Amino acid sequence: MPHPLVCADSVEIQLGRLLDERKAASKLRKLGLVPTRTVLFTGPPGVGKTLAARKVAVELKLPLLVLDLATVVSSFLGKTGNNLKQAFEFGRKQPCVLLLDELDAVAKRRDDDADVGELKRLVTVILQEMDLWPSESLLIAATNHAQLLDPAVWRRFDITIDFPRPSSVELKRLGSIPTIKNDPLPKSWRMVLAILMAGTSQSDYIRESDRLRRTIVIGGIETGEELLSEIVLERSKNLEKTDRKNLAVALVIEAGLSQRASSRVTGIARETLRTALEEEKKK
């Protein structure tokens, strides 16, 4: 995995329930119940949908098959339907977790007049194949654009799990997980990024963290701090002075940055920051 799966508590709870069901499949079948067969993951890019599918496959000890539907659509649209059928047939040959990525590429609403008839027929193919999907396997579909999906496709999913953008708390948790030995990136800097990048994505957070790591390894900690300052200024340039002051306070209290460092990277005068910190203590 490129980084550990860290997501909202609500997502963790739903994934846990899904795994519990699948692991108790034989118990459910004895009572005439069928475990969840189809799951839809929704949410913006980089928030953990693919990682979650991998985690589910590992937990269930099943092979993970990934089909990127955006790459399946052929310029010869008639071939796309056959490609989809062949992919589903392959997935039905043995118990597995099949991940359909970019579902909206082929399962758009059929009332969209901009799409040609052949694209609309792909929705019918998807519906038919989902109806044939065996309960011994798990079908997971992921989309960044849930609003584009055809309503009939929505109804074919047993459950839907929405992956929200991460909070600073979740990014702090991600930053506290050791990923490399002798990490050159100070923990306080990881916390700085978590505060700055709340509401973006886990992938964006990891990308900026790794950029800082490379800079520190090559140019040293001072060069790294220069880049950190650039990142802070870039991500806070549209903030009002009051909000930047609050950010500077958070970097000291929550991220453990020194007052001098916080002042330097946010552009807030040290005296202003010191006064704000004293006011914060009185609350």
Protein backbone atom coordinates (compact mmCIF):
# COMPACT_ATOMS: atom_id res chain seq x y z
CA MET A 1 0.00 0.00 0.00
CA PRO A 2 1.30 3.52 -0.73
CA HIS A 3 0.24 4.61 2.76
CA PRO A 4 -1.91 3.21 5.61
CA LEU A 5 -5.67 3.51 5.36
CA VAL A 6 -6.73 6.30 7.71
CA CYS A 7 -10.27 7.54 7.25
CA ALA A 8 -13.27 8.88 9.12
CA ASP A 9 -14.61 6.85 12.05
CA SER A 10 -17.92 6.44 10.22
CA VAL A 11 -16.11 4.76 7.32
CA GLU A 12 -14.13 2.49 9.65
CA ILE A 13 -17.34 1.39 11.35
CA GLN A 14 -19.06 0.57 8.06
CA LEU A 15 -16.04 -1.30 6.74
CA GLY A 16 -15.95 -3.28 9.98
CA ARG A 17 -19.59 -4.26 9.59
CA LEU A 18 -18.98 -5.31 5.99
CA LEU A 19 -16.06 -7.51 7.01
CA ASP A 20 -18.05 -9.06 9.87
CA GLU A 21 -20.83 -9.97 7.44
CA ARG A 22 -18.52 -11.50 4.88
CA LYS A 23 -16.64 -13.51 7.50
CA ALA A 24 -19.94 -14.84 8.87
CA ALA A 25 -21.31 -15.67 5.39
CA SER A 26 -21.86 -19.38 6.10
CA LYS A 27 -23.72 -18.59 9.32
CA LEU A 28 -25.98 -16.17 7.46
CA ARG A 29 -26.69 -18.65 4.65
CA LYS A 30 -27.86 -21.26 7.14
CA LEU A 31 -30.62 -18.82 8.06
CA GLY A 32 -31.44 -18.09 4.44
CA LEU A 33 -29.66 -14.74 4.49
CA VAL A 34 -27.21 -13.51 1.88
CA PRO A 35 -24.19 -11.43 2.96
CA THR A 36 -23.56 -8.09 1.29
CA ARG A 37 -22.56 -8.76 -2.33
CA THR A 38 -22.21 -5.28 -3.77
CA VAL A 39 -20.80 -2.10 -2.23
CA LEU A 40 -20.46 1.41 -3.62
CA PHE A 41 -17.62 3.64 -2.43
CA THR A 42 -18.22 7.34 -3.11
CA GLY A 43 -16.06 10.37 -2.46
CA PRO A 44 -13.46 12.69 -4.01
CA PRO A 45 -10.12 11.40 -5.35
CA GLY A 46 -7.40 10.41 -2.91
CA VAL A 47 -9.52 9.79 0.19
CA GLY A 48 -8.91 6.04 0.51
CA LYS A 49 -11.49 4.26 -1.66
CA THR A 50 -8.98 2.03 -3.45
CA LEU A 51 -7.00 1.45 -0.25
CA ALA A 52 -10.20 0.38 1.49
CA ALA A 53 -10.90 -2.16 -1.26
CA ARG A 54 -7.39 -3.55 -0.81
CA LYS A 55 -7.86 -3.74 2.95
CA VAL A 56 -11.15 -5.62 2.53
CA ALA A 57 -9.54 -8.12 0.14
CA VAL A 58 -6.62 -8.70 2.52
CA GLU A 59 -8.93 -9.14 5.52
CA LEU A 60 -11.09 -11.62 3.62
CA LYS A 61 -8.02 -13.41 2.22
CA LEU A 62 -9.38 -13.09 -1.30
CA PRO A 63 -7.62 -11.97 -4.49
CA LEU A 64 -8.34 -8.39 -5.52
CA LEU A 65 -9.19 -7.83 -9.18
CA VAL A 66 -9.21 -4.21 -10.32
CA LEU A 67 -11.00 -3.01 -13.43
CA ASP A 68 -10.50 0.67 -14.30
CA LEU A 69 -13.66 1.37 -16.26
CA ALA A 70 -12.31 4.67 -17.61
CA THR A 71 -9.74 2.66 -19.59
CA VAL A 72 -12.20 -0.02 -20.71
CA VAL A 73 -14.35 2.30 -22.80
CA SER A 74 -13.26 1.64 -26.37
CA SER A 75 -13.55 3.96 -29.35
CA PHE A 76 -15.50 1.03 -30.77
CA LEU A 77 -18.30 1.19 -28.23
CA GLY A 78 -19.69 -2.18 -29.20
CA LYS A 79 -16.47 -3.76 -27.95
CA THR A 80 -16.82 -2.09 -24.54
CA GLY A 81 -19.90 -4.13 -23.64
CA ASN A 82 -18.07 -7.35 -24.56
CA ASN A 83 -15.03 -6.24 -22.56
CA LEU A 84 -17.22 -5.69 -19.51
CA LYS A 85 -18.91 -9.07 -19.85
CA GLN A 86 -15.55 -10.82 -20.14
CA ALA A 87 -14.24 -9.03 -17.05
CA PHE A 88 -17.28 -10.06 -15.00
CA GLU A 89 -17.07 -13.64 -16.31
CA PHE A 90 -13.43 -13.82 -15.26
CA GLY A 91 -14.33 -12.51 -11.79
CA ARG A 92 -17.04 -15.16 -11.38
CA LYS A 93 -14.61 -18.04 -11.94
CA GLN A 94 -13.37 -17.98 -8.33
CA PRO A 95 -14.20 -16.17 -5.07
CA CYS A 96 -12.65 -12.71 -5.21
CA VAL A 97 -13.08 -9.03 -4.54
CA LEU A 98 -13.71 -7.21 -7.82
CA LEU A 99 -13.13 -3.46 -7.75
CA LEU A 100 -14.81 -1.46 -10.50
CA ASP A 101 -12.99 1.85 -10.44
CA GLU A 102 -14.38 5.02 -12.07
CA LEU A 103 -17.86 3.50 -12.28
CA ASP A 104 -19.33 6.74 -13.61
CA ALA A 105 -17.34 6.23 -16.83
CA VAL A 106 -19.84 3.58 -17.97
CA ALA A 107 -22.84 3.83 -15.63
CA LYS A 108 -24.05 7.37 -16.25
CA ARG A 109 -27.67 8.39 -15.96
CA ARG A 110 -29.59 7.23 -19.00
CA ASP A 111 -31.55 10.47 -19.18
CA ASP A 112 -28.35 12.32 -20.20
CA ASP A 113 -29.13 13.43 -23.76
CA ALA A 114 -25.46 14.14 -24.40
CA ASP A 115 -24.61 10.44 -24.43
CA VAL A 116 -25.10 8.24 -27.47
CA GLY A 117 -27.32 5.19 -27.36
CA GLU A 118 -24.44 2.74 -27.16
CA LEU A 119 -23.18 4.31 -23.94
CA LYS A 120 -26.66 3.98 -22.48
CA ARG A 121 -26.65 0.30 -23.39
CA LEU A 122 -23.52 -0.12 -21.27
CA VAL A 123 -25.64 0.69 -18.23
CA THR A 124 -27.88 -2.24 -19.12
CA VAL A 125 -24.83 -4.50 -19.38
CA ILE A 126 -23.64 -3.38 -15.94
CA LEU A 127 -27.08 -4.01 -14.43
CA GLN A 128 -27.31 -7.49 -15.92
CA GLU A 129 -23.83 -8.47 -14.76
CA MET A 130 -24.43 -7.14 -11.23
CA ASP A 131 -27.61 -9.23 -11.00
CA LEU A 132 -25.53 -12.33 -11.87
CA TRP A 133 -22.79 -11.56 -9.34
CA PRO A 134 -22.38 -14.51 -6.89
CA SER A 135 -22.62 -14.04 -3.13
CA GLU A 136 -19.35 -15.99 -2.69
CA SER A 137 -17.54 -12.93 -4.06
CA LEU A 138 -17.69 -9.24 -3.24
CA LEU A 139 -18.20 -6.54 -5.85
CA ILE A 140 -16.96 -3.06 -4.92
CA ALA A 141 -17.46 -0.07 -7.20
CA ALA A 142 -15.84 3.32 -6.68
CA THR A 143 -16.77 6.71 -8.09
CA ASN A 144 -15.66 10.30 -7.64
CA HIS A 145 -18.91 11.53 -9.20
CA ALA A 146 -21.81 9.73 -7.55
CA GLN A 147 -24.29 12.29 -8.87
CA LEU A 148 -23.66 11.02 -12.42
CA LEU A 149 -24.72 7.43 -11.73
CA ASP A 150 -27.91 6.02 -13.15
CA PRO A 151 -30.55 5.49 -10.41
CA ALA A 152 -30.99 1.85 -11.42
CA VAL A 153 -27.29 1.27 -10.80
CA TRP A 154 -27.57 2.89 -7.37
CA ARG A 155 -30.33 0.45 -6.44
CA ARG A 156 -28.16 -2.57 -7.29
CA PHE A 157 -25.79 -1.84 -4.41
CA ASP A 158 -26.52 -3.39 -1.05
CA ILE A 159 -24.71 -0.61 0.80
CA THR A 160 -23.06 2.71 0.00
CA ILE A 161 -20.08 4.05 1.94
CA ASP A 162 -19.21 7.71 1.52
CA PHE A 163 -15.57 8.67 2.06
CA PRO A 164 -15.41 12.33 3.19
CA ARG A 165 -12.40 14.60 2.93
CA PRO A 166 -10.13 14.13 5.96
CA SER A 167 -10.14 16.32 9.04
CA SER A 168 -6.94 17.55 10.67
CA VAL A 169 -7.43 14.87 13.35
CA GLU A 170 -7.37 12.09 10.74
CA LEU A 171 -4.34 13.57 8.99
CA LYS A 172 -2.53 13.85 12.33
CA ARG A 173 -3.27 10.19 12.90
CA LEU A 174 -1.91 9.39 9.45
CA GLY A 175 1.20 11.48 10.13
CA SER A 176 1.85 9.68 13.42
CA ILE A 177 2.05 6.25 11.76
CA PRO A 178 5.69 5.26 11.06
CA THR A 179 6.10 4.69 7.32
CA ILE A 180 9.88 4.78 6.92
CA LYS A 181 12.80 4.05 9.22
CA ASN A 182 14.54 7.11 10.70
CA ASP A 183 12.00 9.49 9.21
CA PRO A 184 13.80 12.77 8.40
CA LEU A 185 10.54 14.74 8.61
CA PRO A 186 10.06 16.10 12.16
CA LYS A 187 6.81 15.06 13.82
CA SER A 188 5.91 18.70 14.43
CA TRP A 189 6.12 19.36 10.69
CA ARG A 190 3.82 16.44 9.98
CA MET A 191 1.33 17.98 12.40
CA VAL A 192 1.73 21.35 10.64
CA LEU A 193 0.75 19.75 7.35
CA ALA A 194 -2.21 18.01 9.01
CA ILE A 195 -3.58 21.35 10.17
CA LEU A 196 -2.90 23.05 6.84
CA MET A 197 -4.33 20.31 4.66
CA ALA A 198 -7.53 19.45 6.49
CA GLY A 199 -10.28 19.08 3.90
CA THR A 200 -7.95 18.05 1.06
CA SER A 201 -7.13 14.34 0.82
CA GLN A 202 -4.90 11.73 2.38
CA SER A 203 -3.02 11.37 -0.91
CA ASP A 204 -2.33 15.12 -1.06
CA TYR A 205 -1.04 15.01 2.50
CA ILE A 206 1.32 12.12 1.76
CA ARG A 207 2.54 13.82 -1.42
CA GLU A 208 3.47 17.04 0.41
CA SER A 209 5.05 15.07 3.28
CA ASP A 210 7.23 13.12 0.86
CA ARG A 211 8.21 16.33 -0.94
CA LEU A 212 9.48 17.73 2.35
CA ARG A 213 11.31 14.48 3.15
CA ARG A 214 13.15 14.55 -0.18
CA THR A 215 14.10 18.19 0.32
CA ILE A 216 15.47 17.54 3.82
CA VAL A 217 17.48 14.51 2.71
CA ILE A 218 19.05 16.43 -0.18
CA GLY A 219 19.42 19.95 1.23
CA GLY A 220 19.18 19.61 5.01
CA ILE A 221 16.70 20.83 7.60
CA GLU A 222 17.11 24.54 6.76
CA THR A 223 16.25 23.94 3.11
CA GLY A 224 13.31 21.85 4.28
CA GLU A 225 12.07 24.71 6.45
CA GLU A 226 12.21 27.03 3.45
CA LEU A 227 9.94 24.64 1.56
CA LEU A 228 7.65 24.29 4.59
CA SER A 229 7.33 28.09 4.68
CA GLU A 230 6.43 28.10 0.98
CA ILE A 231 3.77 25.44 1.57
CA VAL A 232 2.29 27.32 4.53
CA LEU A 233 2.25 30.62 2.65
CA GLU A 234 0.75 29.02 -0.47
CA ARG A 235 -2.04 27.33 1.48
CA SER A 236 -2.77 30.34 3.68
CA LYS A 237 -2.36 33.14 1.16
CA ASN A 238 -6.10 33.65 0.84
CA LEU A 239 -6.65 33.78 4.60
CA GLU A 240 -7.41 37.02 6.38
CA LYS A 241 -4.77 38.18 8.88
CA THR A 242 -6.96 37.04 11.79
CA ASP A 243 -7.23 33.55 10.33
CA ARG A 244 -3.47 33.42 9.70
CA LYS A 245 -2.92 34.44 13.32
CA ASN A 246 -5.21 31.61 14.43
CA LEU A 247 -3.23 29.27 12.18
CA ALA A 248 0.02 30.42 13.78
CA VAL A 249 -1.45 29.73 17.23
CA ALA A 250 -2.60 26.26 16.15
CA LEU A 251 0.86 25.45 14.80
CA VAL A 252 2.35 26.19 18.21
CA ILE A 253 -0.32 24.56 20.39
CA GLU A 254 -1.40 21.63 18.23
CA ALA A 255 1.65 20.95 16.06
CA GLY A 256 4.34 21.71 18.65
CA LEU A 257 6.13 24.24 16.45
CA SER A 258 8.23 26.85 18.23
CA GLN A 259 6.93 30.41 18.30
CA ARG A 260 9.86 31.51 16.18
CA ALA A 261 9.23 28.84 13.54
CA SER A 262 5.47 29.47 13.52
CA SER A 263 6.05 33.20 13.13
CA ARG A 264 8.50 32.61 10.29
CA VAL A 265 6.33 30.24 8.24
CA THR A 266 3.05 32.14 8.68
CA GLY A 267 4.36 35.69 8.42
CA ILE A 268 2.76 36.68 11.75
CA ALA A 269 4.92 38.91 13.94
CA ARG A 270 6.27 37.14 17.02
CA GLU A 271 4.85 39.77 19.36
CA THR A 272 1.41 39.35 17.78
CA LEU A 273 1.73 35.59 18.11
CA ARG A 274 2.90 35.81 21.72
CA THR A 275 -0.08 37.99 22.62
CA ALA A 276 -2.48 35.61 20.87
CA LEU A 277 -1.01 32.65 22.76
CA GLU A 278 -1.41 34.43 26.08
CA GLU A 279 -5.04 35.18 25.22
CA GLU A 280 -5.55 31.54 24.32
CA LYS A 281 -4.24 30.43 27.73
CA LYS A 282 -6.80 32.65 29.47
CA LYS A 283 -9.75 30.97 27.74
